[in-house]
Protein backbone atom coordinates (compact mmCIF):
# COMPACT_ATOMS: atom_id res chain seq x y z
CA MET A 1 130.99 96.53 67.86
CA ALA A 2 129.11 93.73 69.65
CA PHE A 3 127.41 94.61 72.91
CA SER A 4 128.95 92.98 75.99
CA TYR A 5 126.56 91.83 78.71
CA ALA A 6 129.37 90.47 80.91
CA GLU A 7 129.52 93.29 83.48
CA TRP A 8 125.73 93.26 83.87
CA LEU A 9 125.43 89.54 84.67
CA ARG A 10 126.38 87.19 87.51
CA PRO A 11 128.06 84.29 85.69
CA GLU A 12 128.41 82.29 88.89
CA LEU A 13 124.61 81.85 88.90
CA MET A 14 124.50 80.40 85.39
CA PRO A 15 123.06 78.34 83.80
CA HIS A 16 119.67 80.00 84.10
CA ILE A 17 116.41 78.11 84.64
CA TRP A 18 114.57 79.28 81.51
CA CYS A 19 113.54 76.84 78.81
CA PRO A 20 115.48 76.94 75.51
CA GLY A 21 113.79 79.47 73.23
CA CYS A 22 112.03 81.36 76.04
CA GLY A 23 111.34 85.01 75.26
CA ILE A 24 112.32 86.21 78.75
CA GLY A 25 115.98 86.19 77.74
CA ILE A 26 115.24 88.57 74.87
CA VAL A 27 113.40 90.92 77.24
CA LEU A 28 116.19 90.85 79.82
CA LYS A 29 118.89 91.56 77.23
CA THR A 30 116.80 94.39 75.79
CA LEU A 31 116.31 95.89 79.26
CA ILE A 32 120.05 95.69 79.96
CA ARG A 33 120.85 97.39 76.65
CA SER A 34 118.30 100.09 77.46
CA MET A 35 119.79 100.80 80.89
CA GLU A 36 123.30 100.84 79.45
CA SER A 37 122.34 103.30 76.70
CA MET A 38 120.63 105.52 79.30
CA GLY A 39 123.90 105.68 81.21
CA TRP A 40 122.37 104.12 84.31
CA ASP A 41 124.80 103.03 86.99
CA GLN A 42 124.46 99.52 88.40
CA ASP A 43 125.19 100.74 91.91
CA THR A 44 122.36 103.29 91.87
CA THR A 45 119.71 101.11 90.22
CA GLY A 46 117.29 98.79 91.99
CA PHE A 47 115.92 95.79 90.06
CA VAL A 48 112.90 94.16 91.71
CA SER A 49 110.74 91.10 90.98
CA GLY A 50 108.20 88.79 92.62
CA ILE A 51 107.67 85.10 91.83
CA GLY A 52 107.50 83.28 88.50
CA CYS A 53 109.69 82.55 85.48
CA THR A 54 110.10 86.23 84.60
CA SER A 55 110.74 87.13 88.21
CA ARG A 56 113.95 85.11 88.27
CA ALA A 57 115.60 87.73 86.04
CA PRO A 58 117.05 89.97 88.81
CA GLY A 59 118.87 86.99 90.26
CA TYR A 60 121.11 86.85 87.21
CA VAL A 61 121.81 90.60 86.96
CA ASN A 62 124.75 92.29 88.66
CA MET A 63 123.12 95.26 90.39
CA ASN A 64 121.03 95.96 93.48
CA THR A 65 118.33 93.30 93.18
CA LEU A 66 115.31 92.16 95.19
CA HIS A 67 113.60 88.83 94.48
CA THR A 68 110.49 89.26 96.62
CA THR A 69 107.24 87.47 97.44
CA HIS A 70 104.49 86.52 95.01
CA GLY A 71 102.61 89.54 93.67
CA ARG A 72 104.39 92.00 95.96
CA ALA A 73 107.11 93.30 93.66
CA MET A 74 105.47 96.72 93.34
CA THR A 75 105.14 97.11 97.12
CA PHE A 76 108.84 96.42 97.66
CA ALA A 77 109.74 98.67 94.73
CA THR A 78 107.54 101.45 96.08
CA GLY A 79 109.26 101.26 99.47
CA LEU A 80 112.65 101.35 97.77
CA LYS A 81 111.72 104.38 95.67
CA MET A 82 110.21 106.24 98.63
CA ALA A 83 113.35 105.64 100.70
CA ALA A 84 115.69 106.71 97.89
CA PRO A 85 113.72 108.74 95.32
CA GLU A 86 116.89 109.80 93.53
CA ARG A 87 117.67 106.17 92.60
CA ASN A 88 116.41 104.33 89.51
CA VAL A 89 113.97 101.49 90.18
CA VAL A 90 112.85 98.86 87.66
CA VAL A 91 110.43 95.97 88.16
CA MET A 92 110.19 92.92 85.93
CA ALA A 93 107.18 90.62 86.32
CA GLY A 94 105.02 88.13 84.50
CA ASP A 95 101.33 88.46 83.68
CA GLY A 96 100.30 86.23 86.59
CA ASP A 97 102.52 87.91 89.16
CA SER A 98 101.53 91.44 88.15
CA ALA A 99 97.86 91.07 87.18
CA ALA A 100 96.55 88.27 89.43
CA ILE A 101 97.88 88.17 93.00
CA GLY A 102 99.68 91.46 92.34
CA GLY A 103 96.81 93.12 90.49
CA ASN A 104 95.76 95.40 93.33
CA HIS A 105 99.32 96.66 93.79
CA LEU A 106 99.56 97.27 90.04
CA ILE A 107 96.39 99.39 90.08
CA HIS A 108 97.55 101.55 92.99
CA SER A 109 101.02 102.01 91.55
CA CYS A 110 99.36 103.36 88.42
CA ARG A 111 97.08 105.57 90.52
CA ARG A 112 99.98 107.06 92.49
CA ASN A 113 102.12 107.67 89.40
CA ILE A 114 105.32 106.79 91.23
CA ASN A 115 108.51 107.06 89.16
CA ILE A 116 109.12 103.33 88.59
CA THR A 117 109.35 101.38 85.34
CA LEU A 118 107.47 98.07 85.22
CA VAL A 119 108.22 95.59 82.43
CA ILE A 120 105.51 92.92 82.20
CA VAL A 121 106.41 89.83 80.19
CA ASN A 122 103.02 88.56 79.06
CA ASN A 123 103.22 84.95 77.91
CA GLU A 124 99.52 84.46 78.66
CA ILE A 125 99.96 81.64 81.17
CA TYR A 126 101.54 80.62 84.48
CA GLY A 127 104.75 79.08 83.19
CA MET A 128 106.66 78.16 86.35
CA THR A 129 103.88 76.66 88.46
CA GLY A 130 102.39 74.19 86.01
CA GLY A 131 100.61 75.98 83.19
CA GLN A 132 97.47 77.32 84.86
CA PHE A 133 95.54 79.95 82.93
CA SER A 134 96.35 83.55 83.92
CA PRO A 135 94.37 86.81 83.78
CA THR A 136 95.63 87.35 80.22
CA THR A 137 95.07 83.85 78.78
CA PRO A 138 92.93 84.27 75.64
CA GLY A 139 89.43 82.89 75.67
CA GLY A 140 89.22 79.35 74.36
CA SER A 141 92.91 78.63 75.03
CA LYS A 142 93.86 75.46 76.83
CA ALA A 143 95.82 75.40 80.06
CA ALA A 144 96.41 72.98 82.93
CA THR A 145 93.36 74.42 84.69
CA SER A 146 91.28 74.82 81.52
CA PRO A 147 91.83 71.59 79.55
CA TYR A 148 88.66 72.18 77.51
CA GLY A 149 89.35 75.85 76.84
CA ASN A 150 89.46 78.98 79.00
CA ILE A 151 86.10 80.73 79.47
CA ASP A 152 87.43 83.69 81.49
CA PRO A 153 87.73 86.94 79.52
CA GLY A 154 91.34 88.14 79.56
CA PHE A 155 92.61 91.48 80.80
CA ASP A 156 93.94 94.02 78.34
CA LEU A 157 96.79 95.05 80.63
CA CYS A 158 97.55 98.27 78.79
CA LYS A 159 93.94 99.46 78.96
CA LEU A 160 93.85 98.50 82.63
CA CYS A 161 96.99 100.52 83.42
CA ILE A 162 95.84 103.54 81.43
CA ALA A 163 92.47 103.54 83.20
CA ALA A 164 94.18 103.21 86.60
CA GLY A 165 96.37 106.27 85.98
CA ALA A 166 99.75 105.14 84.62
CA THR A 167 101.35 107.98 82.64
CA TYR A 168 103.46 105.93 80.20
CA VAL A 169 101.99 102.75 78.73
CA ALA A 170 103.52 100.88 75.81
CA ARG A 171 103.39 97.44 74.25
CA GLY A 172 105.91 95.52 72.18
CA HIS A 173 106.85 91.90 71.53
CA VAL A 174 109.92 89.66 71.55
CA ALA A 175 110.11 89.32 67.76
CA ASN A 176 111.35 92.91 67.42
CA ALA A 177 113.92 93.64 70.13
CA ILE A 178 115.13 96.83 68.43
CA TYR A 179 111.69 98.42 68.61
CA LEU A 180 111.16 97.00 72.09
CA GLU A 181 114.35 98.72 73.26
CA ARG A 182 112.96 102.03 72.07
CA LEU A 183 109.77 101.47 74.04
CA ILE A 184 111.65 100.47 77.20
CA LYS A 185 113.98 103.47 76.97
CA GLY A 186 110.91 105.66 76.68
CA GLY A 187 109.66 104.18 79.95
CA LEU A 188 113.01 104.53 81.72
CA SER A 189 113.29 108.19 80.77
CA HIS A 190 109.69 109.00 81.72
CA LYS A 191 109.05 110.76 85.05
CA GLY A 192 106.12 108.82 86.43
CA PHE A 193 104.82 105.27 86.46
CA ALA A 194 105.75 103.53 83.21
CA VAL A 195 104.41 100.15 82.09
CA ILE A 196 105.81 98.27 79.11
CA GLU A 197 103.90 95.10 78.26
CA VAL A 198 105.95 92.63 76.22
CA MET A 199 104.06 89.91 74.39
CA SER A 200 106.22 86.81 74.72
CA ASN A 201 106.19 83.07 74.14
CA CYS A 202 105.83 80.18 76.53
CA HIS A 203 105.97 77.20 74.19
CA THR A 204 106.49 74.81 77.11
CA GLN A 205 103.22 75.48 78.92
CA PHE A 206 101.06 77.53 76.53
CA GLY A 207 102.36 76.55 73.11
CA ARG A 208 102.30 72.76 73.44
CA ARG A 209 98.68 72.90 74.62
CA ASN A 210 97.59 75.29 71.87
CA LYS A 211 99.19 73.95 68.67
CA HIS A 212 102.34 76.13 68.93
CA PRO A 213 104.98 73.83 70.47
CA ASP A 214 107.89 75.28 68.45
CA PRO A 215 109.34 78.44 70.05
CA ALA A 216 110.34 80.12 66.78
CA GLU A 217 106.94 79.45 65.25
CA LEU A 218 105.15 80.77 68.35
CA VAL A 219 107.23 83.96 68.29
CA GLN A 220 106.30 84.47 64.66
CA HIS A 221 102.64 83.83 65.52
CA ILE A 222 102.82 86.53 68.21
CA ALA A 223 104.42 88.95 65.75
CA SER A 224 101.82 88.22 63.06
CA ASN A 225 99.07 89.50 65.33
CA ALA A 226 100.86 92.74 66.24
CA VAL A 227 99.74 95.96 64.53
CA MET A 228 101.48 99.32 64.79
CA LEU A 229 99.31 101.84 66.60
CA SER A 230 99.07 104.19 63.61
CA LYS A 231 97.61 101.36 61.52
CA TRP A 232 95.51 99.96 64.36
CA GLU A 233 93.51 103.17 64.64
CA LYS A 234 92.33 102.74 61.04
CA LEU A 235 91.12 99.14 61.44
CA THR A 236 87.51 98.15 61.87
CA ALA A 237 86.35 96.16 64.88
CA GLU A 238 86.26 93.02 62.72
CA GLU A 239 89.81 93.59 61.46
CA ARG A 240 91.07 94.02 65.04
CA GLU A 241 89.75 90.64 66.13
CA GLY A 242 92.56 88.47 67.47
CA LYS A 243 95.17 91.22 67.04
CA TYR A 244 96.69 93.84 69.33
CA PRO A 245 98.28 97.29 68.91
CA ILE A 246 101.94 97.97 69.67
CA GLY A 247 103.73 101.24 70.34
CA VAL A 248 103.35 103.99 72.94
CA LEU A 249 99.65 103.71 73.71
CA HIS A 250 99.49 106.48 76.30
CA LYS A 251 101.77 109.22 77.62
CA ASP A 252 100.98 111.98 80.11
CA THR A 253 103.65 114.44 81.23
CA GLU A 254 101.33 116.69 83.24
CA LYS A 255 100.29 114.43 86.12
CA PRO A 256 102.38 115.03 89.28
CA GLU A 257 104.91 112.35 90.22
CA TYR A 258 104.33 110.70 93.60
CA THR A 259 107.72 111.02 95.31
CA GLU A 260 107.91 114.71 94.39
CA GLN A 261 104.44 115.28 95.86
CA TYR A 262 105.46 113.39 98.99
CA ALA A 263 108.61 115.52 99.33
CA LYS A 264 106.47 118.66 99.17
CA LEU A 265 104.19 117.23 101.84
CA GLN A 266 107.19 116.39 104.02
CA LYS A 267 108.55 119.94 103.70
CA PHE A 268 105.13 121.41 104.48
CA ALA A 269 104.80 119.24 107.61
CA GLN A 270 108.37 120.02 108.74
CA ASP A 271 107.79 123.75 108.24
CA ARG A 272 104.59 123.53 110.31
CA VAL A 273 106.40 121.71 113.12
CA ARG A 274 109.24 124.23 113.09
CA GLU A 275 106.77 127.14 113.14
CA ALA A 276 104.84 125.57 116.01
CA SER A 277 108.07 124.98 117.94
CA ARG A 278 109.11 128.59 117.34
CA LYS A 279 105.78 129.89 118.67
CA ILE A 280 105.99 127.68 121.76
CA ALA A 281 109.54 128.86 122.47
CA GLU A 282 108.46 132.47 121.96
CA ALA A 283 105.50 132.06 124.30
CA GLU A 284 107.73 130.47 126.93
CA SER A 285 110.18 133.35 126.72
CA MET A 286 107.35 135.87 127.35
CA LYS A 287 106.20 134.25 130.61
CA PRO A 288 107.21 136.24 133.74
CA LYS A 289 109.95 134.67 135.78
CA PRO A 290 109.28 133.93 139.50
CA GLU A 291 111.84 136.53 140.70
CA ALA A 292 110.08 139.24 138.69
CA THR A 293 106.68 138.86 140.46
CA GLY A 294 107.71 140.92 143.50
CA GLY A 295 107.40 138.15 146.04
CA ALA A 296 108.14 134.58 146.89
CA SER A 297 106.37 131.86 145.13
CA PRO A 298 103.23 130.71 146.98
CA PHE A 299 104.63 127.18 146.67
CA GLU A 300 107.70 128.02 148.69
CA VAL A 301 107.69 126.95 152.36
């Protein structure tokens, strides 16, 4: 039976802004399928984004959504999760929004290990704002701000998130949505900060400048460089050149989750306040009353 996306979308906001052939649609559909299969309720799920092509996704989805400021998706999502820790919170962002202006927030979200799932669509360029190179643009690649080739070394987002403390880190790509769904479901079910990097295509801004103007061909190019983690570990450094591993790259189930730690701290503080209040009340009750001193108060006239 075909999957129906109708109840998850806001048809009145269609058509969407994405270019024909853009991989963001694949990622959004895969995320919706993952949430549906997890039994998540639209009314108890928060879907947050910042600014950029990818960050327009929550606007088209029929649930509790926040389209926030540039690079600040994780701060809004953190506030939402802290206010309602029992609710599900998902963030969807691009490589520029999450790793450039939002890079510091990404690092500290990993460090805290807050129970939020972040899906990063990495198309290796700023797509919406004119094709500038991003923190993940490969060296030598052309962009609007590097017409002769990018000389900045690119981030490996998964390594960055693992080093910063994220407890579930995975990578997939848009050419295999079935496997990507498995990775996203793993992140949604994980208690802690989960990051799923999705290698995607931007043929409009990246592809046309780098000899991959056709979306289907660019998707296949992305897939051709992907190596399953089990095989990746057996490759030499030379064989790994220009390729990247996919799969669950890191998982830690022992590190405490942030909202649970905060709840314990709240209870500890509340217990201390109650105990202090009890001691004050007890001390007040032990003080002698004026009528029990055997005489009038020296302050009485």
